[in-house]
Amino acid sequence: MNRKTLSLLGLLLFLAAPFFAYPVFLMKLLCFALFACAFNLLIGFTGLLSFGHAAFLGSAGYVTGHLLAVVGLPTELGIAAGVAAAGLLGLAIGLLAIRRQGIYFSMITLALAQMVYFAALRAPFTHGEDGLQGVPRGRLLGLLDLSNDLTMYYVVLAIAAAGFALIYRTVHSPFGQVLKAIKENEARAVSLGYEVDRYKLLAFVLSASLAGLAGATKTVVLGFETLTDVHWTMSGLVVLMTLVGGMGTMAGPIVGAFLIIALENKLGDWGTWLSERLGIAWFASLGESVGMVTGLIFIVCVLLFRRGIVGEMGALLESGKRTAPAERT
C-alpha cells in the first residue's frame, strides 16, 4: 500500500470520525497533533531541542481568547492575531537562543518560556490562576456557525491539515534540505556558505507560529485558556509526544500526540471498564496514575523503540523490502 493510498484512507477516517466519537475530544487531539508536528519540525528536522514551546502554545491561546471574549474580533482575525503573537515571540526568543548550541540553547528557551509563564500569571487580561473563561467560538467569515460541534470539527480538521501540509512542504523543499544538512553536520553547512543562524531562526519562528496556530485553535474549541498551556510541563509533554511517536518522521508526532492525550483523557474510563470486567478494584484507580503510565510508556520506548512507534514500523518495512529481493534471488 503506497503513501497516497494511506493518506486517502487517513483522510476518510478523519472525515467520518465525528460520527463515531466525541467531536470536542477529536478536536483536542488534532490541536495537540499540530503542536507536536510543529515541535518536530524544530527538533526532528533542524536538530534544535526547545524546552519552551509551551510559551507559543499558551501565548497564542491567551491573545486569541482575549481578542474574542473582550475585544469582540471575528474568529478568523482572533486566530490570526494569536499566530502572529506566537511568531513574534518566537522571533524574540529565537534571536537570543540560536546564539548558543546544544543544552545551552535548550536551557535558554526554558528560561525565557518561564518568564512568559510568570507574565501570564501576573498579567490582568489572563486572569491569573482562574484562567481566561467564556471565549466564544463565533462565526467563521460571518458564515459558518462554530457553536455547532460538527461544523467546528471540520474547520479544525481543515486548519490542522493545512498546518501538516505546510510542514510537509517545508521539509521536502530546498529550505528543508538545508535544515536537514544543519542537523546532520552544521560545520559542513557553514563551510558550504549557508547562513546557518538565519536558517535556524526561520525554522524556529515557523515552528513557533504553527504551535501558536494549535494553541489559538484549541482556545476557540474549548472556550477557555489556562496557565497549564504555558507551564514547563506542557513543553515536556510535547517532547514526550514526539519521542514516543517518532522524532524526525512526518506521522510520528501525530501518533504520539493521539496516544498521550488519549491516555490523559480516557485512562480513567478504561480502568473502570477493566475493573468491572475483571473484578480487580485496583484498575479503577488508573485514572489517578496517568503520569506513571505515560512515564512507563516513555521508558519502554527509550529502551525498546529508540526511533519511536512510527520510526520502528518504518524500519521494519524497509528491512522487509530489502530481504524480499534477497530471498527471491
Foldseek 3Di string as FASTA:
>chain_A
DDPVVVVVVVVVCLLCVVVPDPLLLVLLLLLQLLLLLLQLLQCQQQNQQALFLLLLLQQLLLQLQLCCVPVNDANVVSLVVSLVVLLVVLLVLLVPLLVDDDVSSRVSNVVVLVVSLVCLQPPVSQVHQVFRAQRALHADVNPRHCVDSSSLSVVSVVLSVVSLVVSVCCCPDPLVVLSNVCNVPVVVSVVVPDPSSVSSSVSSSSSSSSSSSSSNSSCSSVRTGHSVSSDSVVSVQSVLLCQQQFRNDSCRSSVSSCVLSCLQPCQLVVLVVCCVVVVDCVSNCRNVVSVVVSVVSSVCCVVPVRRHDVGVVVVVVVVVVVVVVVVVD
